[in-house]
Amino acid sequence: MFKGKVIIFVLSALVFTGSLAYCQEKSGSRQAITIAGVVAKVDAVGNLIEVKLNDGQMAFSVPDDAAITEGTKKIGLMDIERSDPVTIQYYSPSPGKSVVISITDNKNS
């Protein structure tokens, strides 16, 4: 009888832990947000970009796999200059942190 209760307890714990991990995965899903603004600062070494918006300024972390383009041409973060108009698609995995998915430099548009 005692072994049966232990087995039920262990199985219950595994089911609960598995569902908890699933919940954490769901809450971390990315919701893409798109903004347009003017570049205030680019730090290609630190992989950061700051953009002026109508209601303030935002800073973004730019991962190595972010898509950065000018028109249809692929460019690097170091090719973006201060005052360039840009469109940025990003997500926020935690409060206060914004991570770039893509940057489109619109300086020749």
N, C-alpha and C. Protein backbone atom coordinates (compact mmCIF):
# COMPACT_ATOMS: atom_id res chain seq x y z
N MET A 1 0.83 -1.19 0.00
CA MET A 1 0.00 0.00 0.00
C MET A 1 0.88 1.26 0.00
N PHE A 2 1.92 1.26 0.83
CA PHE A 2 2.80 2.42 0.91
C PHE A 2 3.50 2.67 -0.42
N LYS A 3 3.96 1.60 -1.11
CA LYS A 3 4.62 1.74 -2.41
C LYS A 3 3.68 2.38 -3.44
N GLY A 4 2.42 2.00 -3.39
CA GLY A 4 1.44 2.56 -4.31
C GLY A 4 1.27 4.06 -4.12
N LYS A 5 1.26 4.51 -2.88
CA LYS A 5 1.14 5.95 -2.59
C LYS A 5 2.37 6.70 -3.04
N VAL A 6 3.54 6.09 -2.87
CA VAL A 6 4.79 6.73 -3.30
C VAL A 6 4.79 6.87 -4.82
N ILE A 7 4.38 5.82 -5.52
CA ILE A 7 4.35 5.87 -6.98
C ILE A 7 3.37 6.94 -7.46
N ILE A 8 2.21 7.00 -6.84
CA ILE A 8 1.22 8.03 -7.21
C ILE A 8 1.78 9.42 -6.94
N PHE A 9 2.45 9.60 -5.82
CA PHE A 9 3.04 10.90 -5.48
C PHE A 9 4.09 11.30 -6.51
N VAL A 10 4.97 10.37 -6.86
CA VAL A 10 6.04 10.66 -7.83
C VAL A 10 5.44 10.99 -9.19
N LEU A 11 4.47 10.22 -9.63
CA LEU A 11 3.83 10.50 -10.92
C LEU A 11 3.13 11.85 -10.91
N SER A 12 2.46 12.17 -9.81
CA SER A 12 1.79 13.47 -9.69
C SER A 12 2.80 14.60 -9.77
N ALA A 13 3.94 14.43 -9.09
CA ALA A 13 4.99 15.45 -9.12
C ALA A 13 5.52 15.65 -10.52
N LEU A 14 5.70 14.55 -11.26
CA LEU A 14 6.20 14.67 -12.63
C LEU A 14 5.19 15.38 -13.54
N VAL A 15 3.93 15.07 -13.39
CA VAL A 15 2.90 15.71 -14.20
C VAL A 15 2.85 17.21 -13.87
N PHE A 16 2.88 17.56 -12.59
CA PHE A 16 2.85 18.96 -12.18
C PHE A 16 4.06 19.71 -12.70
N THR A 17 5.25 19.12 -12.57
CA THR A 17 6.48 19.77 -13.04
C THR A 17 6.43 19.97 -14.55
N GLY A 18 5.96 18.96 -15.27
CA GLY A 18 5.85 19.09 -16.73
C GLY A 18 4.90 20.17 -17.14
N SER A 19 3.76 20.30 -16.45
CA SER A 19 2.80 21.34 -16.80
C SER A 19 3.32 22.72 -16.40
N LEU A 20 4.11 22.79 -15.33
CA LEU A 20 4.70 24.06 -14.92
C LEU A 20 5.69 24.53 -15.97
N ALA A 21 6.52 23.62 -16.49
CA ALA A 21 7.48 23.98 -17.52
C ALA A 21 6.75 24.45 -18.78
N TYR A 22 5.65 23.82 -19.12
CA TYR A 22 4.88 24.23 -20.28
C TYR A 22 4.34 25.64 -20.07
N CYS A 23 3.84 25.94 -18.90
CA CYS A 23 3.31 27.28 -18.61
C CYS A 23 4.40 28.33 -18.74
N GLN A 24 5.58 28.02 -18.26
CA GLN A 24 6.68 28.98 -18.35
C GLN A 24 7.05 29.23 -19.81
N GLU A 25 7.01 28.19 -20.62
CA GLU A 25 7.32 28.34 -22.03
C GLU A 25 6.28 29.23 -22.71
N LYS A 26 5.01 29.03 -22.40
CA LYS A 26 3.94 29.83 -23.01
C LYS A 26 4.08 31.29 -22.64
N SER A 27 4.39 31.60 -21.38
CA SER A 27 4.47 32.99 -20.97
C SER A 27 5.69 33.68 -21.57
N GLY A 28 6.69 32.93 -22.01
CA GLY A 28 7.87 33.52 -22.60
C GLY A 28 7.77 33.68 -24.11
N SER A 29 6.62 33.36 -24.70
CA SER A 29 6.50 33.47 -26.15
C SER A 29 6.63 34.93 -26.57
N ARG A 30 7.19 35.12 -27.75
CA ARG A 30 7.47 36.47 -28.22
C ARG A 30 6.26 37.10 -28.89
N GLN A 31 5.96 38.32 -28.49
CA GLN A 31 4.95 39.11 -29.17
C GLN A 31 5.70 40.27 -29.82
N ALA A 32 5.75 40.27 -31.13
CA ALA A 32 6.51 41.28 -31.86
C ALA A 32 5.78 42.62 -31.84
N ILE A 33 6.56 43.68 -31.61
CA ILE A 33 6.07 45.05 -31.60
C ILE A 33 6.89 45.82 -32.64
N THR A 34 6.26 46.68 -33.40
CA THR A 34 6.97 47.46 -34.42
C THR A 34 6.87 48.94 -34.10
N ILE A 35 8.00 49.63 -34.18
CA ILE A 35 8.05 51.08 -33.97
C ILE A 35 8.87 51.71 -35.09
N ALA A 36 8.66 53.00 -35.29
CA ALA A 36 9.46 53.77 -36.25
C ALA A 36 9.99 55.00 -35.53
N GLY A 37 11.24 55.33 -35.80
CA GLY A 37 11.86 56.48 -35.16
C GLY A 37 13.15 56.87 -35.86
N VAL A 38 13.93 57.69 -35.18
CA VAL A 38 15.20 58.18 -35.72
C VAL A 38 16.31 57.72 -34.78
N VAL A 39 17.40 57.22 -35.34
CA VAL A 39 18.50 56.69 -34.54
C VAL A 39 19.15 57.82 -33.74
N ALA A 40 19.28 57.62 -32.44
CA ALA A 40 19.94 58.57 -31.56
C ALA A 40 21.38 58.13 -31.30
N LYS A 41 21.61 56.81 -31.23
CA LYS A 41 22.93 56.30 -30.91
C LYS A 41 23.04 54.85 -31.38
N VAL A 42 24.21 54.48 -31.89
CA VAL A 42 24.49 53.10 -32.28
C VAL A 42 25.79 52.68 -31.60
N ASP A 43 25.76 51.53 -30.94
CA ASP A 43 26.95 50.93 -30.34
C ASP A 43 27.11 49.55 -30.97
N ALA A 44 27.84 49.50 -32.09
CA ALA A 44 27.99 48.23 -32.82
C ALA A 44 28.81 47.22 -32.02
N VAL A 45 29.74 47.68 -31.19
CA VAL A 45 30.56 46.78 -30.38
C VAL A 45 29.72 46.15 -29.27
N GLY A 46 28.89 46.97 -28.63
CA GLY A 46 28.03 46.49 -27.54
C GLY A 46 26.70 45.94 -28.01
N ASN A 47 26.46 45.96 -29.34
CA ASN A 47 25.20 45.49 -29.94
C ASN A 47 23.98 46.19 -29.35
N LEU A 48 24.03 47.52 -29.32
CA LEU A 48 22.94 48.33 -28.80
C LEU A 48 22.57 49.42 -29.79
N ILE A 49 21.30 49.79 -29.79
CA ILE A 49 20.84 50.92 -30.59
C ILE A 49 19.79 51.68 -29.78
N GLU A 50 19.85 53.00 -29.85
CA GLU A 50 18.86 53.85 -29.20
C GLU A 50 18.12 54.64 -30.27
N VAL A 51 16.80 54.71 -30.12
CA VAL A 51 15.95 55.34 -31.13
C VAL A 51 15.08 56.40 -30.48
N LYS A 52 15.03 57.59 -31.11
CA LYS A 52 14.14 58.67 -30.67
C LYS A 52 12.76 58.41 -31.24
N LEU A 53 11.76 58.49 -30.38
CA LEU A 53 10.37 58.34 -30.78
C LEU A 53 9.65 59.65 -30.49
N ASN A 54 8.41 59.76 -30.91
CA ASN A 54 7.63 60.98 -30.63
C ASN A 54 7.51 61.25 -29.14
N ASP A 55 7.42 60.19 -28.35
CA ASP A 55 7.19 60.36 -26.91
C ASP A 55 8.38 59.96 -26.05
N GLY A 56 9.59 60.03 -26.59
CA GLY A 56 10.78 59.72 -25.80
C GLY A 56 11.81 58.97 -26.59
N GLN A 57 12.55 58.14 -25.90
CA GLN A 57 13.64 57.40 -26.51
C GLN A 57 13.63 55.97 -25.97
N MET A 58 14.00 55.01 -26.81
CA MET A 58 14.07 53.60 -26.40
C MET A 58 15.43 53.03 -26.75
N ALA A 59 15.92 52.14 -25.89
CA ALA A 59 17.17 51.44 -26.13
C ALA A 59 16.85 49.98 -26.42
N PHE A 60 17.62 49.38 -27.32
CA PHE A 60 17.39 48.00 -27.74
C PHE A 60 18.70 47.23 -27.73
N SER A 61 18.61 45.98 -27.36
CA SER A 61 19.71 45.03 -27.50
C SER A 61 19.55 44.40 -28.88
N VAL A 62 20.67 44.29 -29.62
CA VAL A 62 20.62 43.75 -30.98
C VAL A 62 21.39 42.42 -31.01
N PRO A 63 20.69 41.29 -31.02
CA PRO A 63 21.39 40.00 -31.06
C PRO A 63 22.03 39.79 -32.43
N ASP A 64 22.99 38.88 -32.48
CA ASP A 64 23.71 38.60 -33.73
C ASP A 64 22.80 38.10 -34.85
N ASP A 65 21.69 37.45 -34.50
CA ASP A 65 20.81 36.90 -35.53
C ASP A 65 19.70 37.87 -35.97
N ALA A 66 19.75 39.11 -35.51
CA ALA A 66 18.75 40.10 -35.93
C ALA A 66 18.92 40.41 -37.42
N ALA A 67 17.81 40.55 -38.13
CA ALA A 67 17.84 40.90 -39.55
C ALA A 67 17.95 42.42 -39.67
N ILE A 68 19.03 42.88 -40.30
CA ILE A 68 19.26 44.33 -40.47
C ILE A 68 19.37 44.60 -41.96
N THR A 69 18.47 45.46 -42.45
CA THR A 69 18.44 45.73 -43.89
C THR A 69 18.31 47.22 -44.19
N GLU A 70 18.72 47.56 -45.40
CA GLU A 70 18.46 48.88 -45.97
C GLU A 70 17.81 48.58 -47.32
N GLY A 71 16.50 48.78 -47.38
CA GLY A 71 15.76 48.34 -48.56
C GLY A 71 15.77 46.82 -48.60
N THR A 72 16.30 46.26 -49.70
CA THR A 72 16.41 44.80 -49.80
C THR A 72 17.82 44.31 -49.51
N LYS A 73 18.73 45.25 -49.24
CA LYS A 73 20.14 44.92 -49.02
C LYS A 73 20.40 44.64 -47.54
N LYS A 74 21.06 43.52 -47.26
CA LYS A 74 21.43 43.18 -45.89
C LYS A 74 22.65 44.01 -45.49
N ILE A 75 22.57 44.64 -44.32
CA ILE A 75 23.67 45.46 -43.81
C ILE A 75 23.98 45.05 -42.37
N GLY A 76 25.01 45.63 -41.81
CA GLY A 76 25.37 45.37 -40.43
C GLY A 76 24.96 46.53 -39.54
N LEU A 77 24.97 46.33 -38.25
CA LEU A 77 24.62 47.38 -37.30
C LEU A 77 25.55 48.57 -37.45
N MET A 78 26.82 48.31 -37.79
CA MET A 78 27.79 49.40 -37.94
C MET A 78 27.50 50.28 -39.16
N ASP A 79 26.62 49.83 -40.06
CA ASP A 79 26.26 50.63 -41.24
C ASP A 79 25.14 51.63 -40.95
N ILE A 80 24.50 51.49 -39.80
CA ILE A 80 23.43 52.42 -39.42
C ILE A 80 24.06 53.64 -38.75
N GLU A 81 23.59 54.82 -39.15
CA GLU A 81 24.17 56.07 -38.63
C GLU A 81 23.16 56.85 -37.81
N ARG A 82 23.68 57.69 -36.94
CA ARG A 82 22.84 58.58 -36.15
C ARG A 82 21.99 59.43 -37.10
N SER A 83 20.75 59.65 -36.77
CA SER A 83 19.78 60.43 -37.55
C SER A 83 19.12 59.63 -38.67
N ASP A 84 19.50 58.37 -38.88
CA ASP A 84 18.84 57.55 -39.88
C ASP A 84 17.42 57.22 -39.41
N PRO A 85 16.41 57.34 -40.28
CA PRO A 85 15.06 56.88 -39.92
C PRO A 85 15.04 55.34 -40.00
N VAL A 86 14.52 54.71 -38.97
CA VAL A 86 14.50 53.25 -38.93
C VAL A 86 13.14 52.73 -38.50
N THR A 87 12.86 51.50 -38.89
CA THR A 87 11.71 50.76 -38.39
C THR A 87 12.29 49.55 -37.67
N ILE A 88 11.87 49.37 -36.42
CA ILE A 88 12.40 48.28 -35.60
C ILE A 88 11.27 47.37 -35.16
N GLN A 89 11.48 46.08 -35.36
CA GLN A 89 10.56 45.07 -34.83
C GLN A 89 11.30 44.43 -33.66
N TYR A 90 10.61 44.35 -32.50
CA TYR A 90 11.27 43.85 -31.30
C TYR A 90 10.29 43.11 -30.40
N TYR A 91 10.84 42.49 -29.36
CA TYR A 91 10.03 41.87 -28.32
C TYR A 91 10.67 42.16 -26.98
N SER A 92 9.91 42.01 -25.92
CA SER A 92 10.40 42.25 -24.56
C SER A 92 10.26 40.97 -23.74
N PRO A 93 11.37 40.23 -23.55
CA PRO A 93 11.28 38.99 -22.79
C PRO A 93 11.10 39.23 -21.29
N SER A 94 11.45 40.41 -20.81
CA SER A 94 11.26 40.76 -19.40
C SER A 94 11.08 42.27 -19.32
N PRO A 95 10.51 42.76 -18.23
CA PRO A 95 10.30 44.21 -18.10
C PRO A 95 11.62 44.98 -18.23
N GLY A 96 11.56 46.05 -18.98
CA GLY A 96 12.73 46.91 -19.13
C GLY A 96 13.74 46.49 -20.17
N LYS A 97 13.53 45.34 -20.79
CA LYS A 97 14.47 44.85 -21.79
C LYS A 97 13.76 44.70 -23.12
N SER A 98 14.33 45.27 -24.18
CA SER A 98 13.76 45.15 -25.52
C SER A 98 14.82 44.57 -26.45
N VAL A 99 14.46 43.50 -27.15
CA VAL A 99 15.40 42.79 -28.01
C VAL A 99 14.93 42.90 -29.46
N VAL A 100 15.82 43.31 -30.33
CA VAL A 100 15.51 43.51 -31.74
C VAL A 100 15.35 42.18 -32.46
N ILE A 101 14.30 42.12 -33.28
CA ILE A 101 14.12 41.01 -34.22
C ILE A 101 14.64 41.46 -35.58
N SER A 102 14.26 42.70 -35.99
CA SER A 102 14.74 43.24 -37.26
C SER A 102 14.81 44.76 -37.21
N ILE A 103 15.73 45.29 -37.99
CA ILE A 103 15.89 46.73 -38.18
C ILE A 103 15.87 47.00 -39.67
N THR A 104 15.06 47.95 -40.09
CA THR A 104 15.07 48.41 -41.48
C THR A 104 15.52 49.86 -41.48
N ASP A 105 16.63 50.13 -42.14
CA ASP A 105 17.16 51.50 -42.26
C ASP A 105 16.46 52.13 -43.45
N ASN A 106 15.72 53.20 -43.21
CA ASN A 106 14.93 53.84 -44.27
C ASN A 106 15.57 55.12 -44.81
N LYS A 107 16.90 55.27 -44.68
CA LYS A 107 17.54 56.53 -45.07
C LYS A 107 17.45 56.81 -46.57
N ASN A 108 17.33 55.81 -47.40
CA ASN A 108 17.24 56.04 -48.85
C ASN A 108 15.84 55.77 -49.37
N SER A 109 14.86 55.79 -48.50
CA SER A 109 13.46 55.53 -48.93
C SER A 109 12.73 56.81 -49.19
